[in-house]
Amino acid sequence: MRIQWPVIFSFLQQQNALLLNSRQGSFSVGTVAVPVPGPNEVLIRVEAVALNPIDWKIQAYGMVVKTYPAVLGSDIAGVVEQVGLNVTAFGPGDRVCVWIAWHGLWLAEAEGRITQGVLGVNEHSGFQQYSLGYDELTAQIPDWMAFEEAATMPLGLATASLGLYNAYNPHTSAGLLPPWEPTGRGRYSGKPFVALGGSSSVGHYGENSLVIQLAKLSGFSPIITTASLYNAPSLLALGATHVLDRHLAPETLRAQIGNITSEAIETIFDAVSISETQNLAYDLLAPGGSLVLVLQDIIEEKRKSADRRVVTVDGRIHYAPSRAMGVSLYAALSDLLENGEIQKAFHLRPPPRAACALCCSLQCLLLPVALCLASSSLAMSEQFYFLTHTPEQAAKWDDIARTDPERVCETLDVGFETKTTNRWGDSAQDVYPCYEATGKLAREGTAEWHRLLDVGVAEKLCDGVLQARVYVPPLPGMSEERQREAMRQVRSGHFVALDAICHAVCSVSKTPNESERKFLRTLKQRWPEMMKHLWDSPQNTLRPESSHAIERAVVAKIVARLTHADPSVMSMIDADFDMTLPLLTRYFIHATEERDTLYLLECITCLTTPIVDKDLIKHRKLHPLPKTWLSRMMGGSTPPRKIFDRCGVHLTQTMKKEEDARMIMDFIITLLQLVNDQGPEFANDLRQSASLWTNMFIFMRRAAERKIEPGDKAADARAKRAAANVIGLTANWMHSCFFQSPDQLKVFVELCIRADFFNALDATVPRVVATEGVTQQLTRIIFCLDSLLSKDPSTSPLFKGQLPRPRTFHALLIHAYIDPRTRSLRTPSEFVRTGQVRRDAKGLPAVGSNFFDESCWQMWHALEKRVKSGGVCARRVCDERATARCSKCGQAQYCGQDCQKKDWKEHKIMCGVKIHDEVPNSGGLHRVTIPGINAPPVGG
């Protein structure tokens, strides 16, 4: 909840506060004194307060608080106004967040006594303009972090950190060593960790997303979590290595976790803590391990044993047994946030601009909007219905627009300068229906519309874009929160003018008449000014509500149609001073629906690499893309990584149709090429975008697994090419890391692994291995991975649990020996027969040499041997010493019967395949035996 307070502190002795007047009573806004900070305290001007379940429970059940009227609110963010004695870490103007304890006991050091129930102490609560906080339990927040984001963090962070690391209270914590302590970072490297409910808890910093991040800092691996698969990319980006569908049955989850790790799971955090998850977690827990719950223990008694600990976290960081740990945490928190080691799980949209006052100022055209409510109780999904004018007004202005063009222009001018009415008596109430009537005529493109153009309506529409705002008068008894929610949903004031302009541009004929040429000249002349205004004053266009999708789309529609009518407009958009490209990029990043995403995507693509309109193609050939194109595009993406992140989200989540997702993929290819050509400074942002790579691997897997109707060769080719494109992009950027930024290779490989790259390959390679170029790109990827492992053996833990992959290996092997067209044995290549490779002009193996087909599987085999050395269990997730062999082939080795049984589903694909020793003098080639195929030995 964002709070805006129009006050000047230096003159303030009283403040507004939200008061709970009595036990189970009602809330009201009242006046209380501004507190004065004592020793070791800071006075904070509250900018944002989180809403927590305890707030409504106190009011509903009459719990915790004993003294009324009471001020609630426990998680706050704001600005330091004053500091008390002994405070040296903070000063006035510092941006901070603080958790105000909501019940229980804690040590008030300044008075040396125990105090009961902080929400009974109003000075330390959040729902007021100014609140006190303890300096040692307050943290400075980075400049880039919004107050709303910071306010959602303290309680979730307290729950996660105290549950895992509070050694001072072993009855409520796993008691691990915190990662912010000198020897705590990476302390539990190689140990598995399970978090049930990975995306649970309300807020950008829900406790389990923080649990995952803290587990990553502690070195746990693998980090396995359950969540809705919709949230998988976000959780993988935060540090989870495996995200399992929370809807799966407990027995299925147990089996899948067993396939991921065979190590003892000694730490589990259950952020759901219902009966089903508690019992599942307890079954997974190893002897000597700790299970952390957020609710009371309801595990079935028959399951319990004395060698497993179950604790329920106590999130009170002020509580005496926890305070020392809390002080340690908050001392490190600012650096953890600044370094990005603790991040939010989801992005906030910027808050809406404040609405205009009810006036007709020199720079404000009011569009009054009456408000109707569908229900009397406020919820975030509540639909507000806005009434801009009556049907009678609409009919009236439809007639006037056709018969009196001068009156239309003067009415659109009402509110500018000092005009409150025009000579016909038309007022601000007539502006909205006048705009809509103008838009209707523009859409028709008739003689009546051309008469409006002749009297200068184009100038008035451009003025409307620059000066329109929206005023929503509150209904009687309407709360401030409902007013704010209504303002979030109402369309921005400039939309109605832009909509009319859009209709007008779309009605322009391919060979414009004089009126249309005049309109295009005016629009072209005023365009940079309008784009600059939309950039500087976005109003509600960046908000996520569905009502704003059309506001973003309408600009893209205008640009697309305007460049079609007059390709020379592209030269104006190419100019560095023009804000069209940054604005379209910003809208693309904030797009939430298919309609605005597609319009913006098509428009940006058309400006960058036109492929349909012949005139635009010709213009772009004569006027190549400016060298500043990418940097200007990035001007709409703050920080630069955001555009890559949103491309990933749009690829697999926004787009519902296969063809639309392919358009996003084509744009990603174009964007990556632009980074390569124009913006190497953005390469790290691209490589570090977990959202982009995670969603591309999801897209690759979906394309490979897509069911195609028999005989639909075109659809089959599209699916294979889409999957192959992702393999190619991964190879390109991994290769560029290796040669141009070797220090980034490990980081990028780690990101790819966490983004589920190997699982995606396993699903993809068998389907696309025969597609042209795939084995070449895979060879490049394997080369980079193998080089990383050979140069830096410390990277081997990254690959733990990832290899071997029998399905991928088998597909590569069969492709090397079987001709996919004839399904018969391949003729040994020139390379196999002679050891020589024909090369093209670039020095690469020539097309038709089959070099990559035959070398790819061997490089994959070498990589698997490097990761999974001989003498250990062949099961991917087990590294125990091998004591037995497969009873069928005698090749695969296992640590025991259990692993052999669990691995059979994968091993049976390769069962009987034998890779012999290297052939002497063959450059590392191997002989191979494949059951059922009389393959000639390689090199023989």
Foldseek 3Di string as FASTA:
>chain_A
DFDDDPDDVVVDQKWWFWWQADFLGDTDIDIDGQDDAAAQKFKFFFGDFDDDPVVVCCNHVVPQADDPRWGATFKTWGFTCGYYPPDDPDDGGFTKIAGQFAFDWFAPPVVRDIDGGCRNVRQQHHRIRMHMDGRLRMATADPVDDRHQRRQAQLLLLQLCQQDDLLLDVQAHQNAHFLLDPPQFLQAAPAEEEEEAQPDDDHQHHNNLVNQLRCVRRRHPQYEYEDDVLLQLLSLLSHHQYYHHNPDQLVVVVLVVCLQFVHAHQEYEYAPPDARVLQSVLVRHDFQHEYEYQDDDPYDPVSDDPRYHYHYHDSRCRHHSRVVVSSSCSVCVRVCNVVVSDDTSDDDFDAFDDFDDPDLDQQAQEQEWEWDFPDDDDDLPGDIDIDRADPVLLVVLLVCLQPPLVVLLVLLCASHGPHQADPVRRGSSNNLSSLVSLLVCLLVLDPSNLVNLVVPVLVSLLSQLQRYAYDYDDDVPDDPVNVSSVQLQDEGRNQSSLSSLLSNLVSADLDGDPSNVSSLVSCLVSVQVSLVRCVVRVRNLLHQDPNNLVVLLSLLSNLVSSCLSPVCSLVVVLDPSGLSLLSLLLSCLSHDAPRSVQSSLVSNCCSQQNDPRPVNNVVCVVPPRDLCNLVSNCNNPVVSLSSLLSLLCCLAPRDDDPVSSVSSVVVVVVNVVSCVVRNVVCLVSNLSRSSNLLSLLVLLLCLLPPDDDPPPVVSLVVSLVSNLVSLQVLLVSLLCCVVPPVVCNLVSVLSNSSSVVLVSLLSHCLSRVPPPPNLVSLQSVLVSVVVCCVVPVVSLVSCQLRDDFLSNLLSLVLQLFADVVVRAGDDDFPCQAPVDFDADPVRHGDPPRCPSSQVSSVSSVVSRCSSQPPQAARSRNGGHGFDAADPQQRPGTHNDDVSCVSCCVRCVSCRNKDWAAADPPNVRATFIDDPPHPGDGGSD
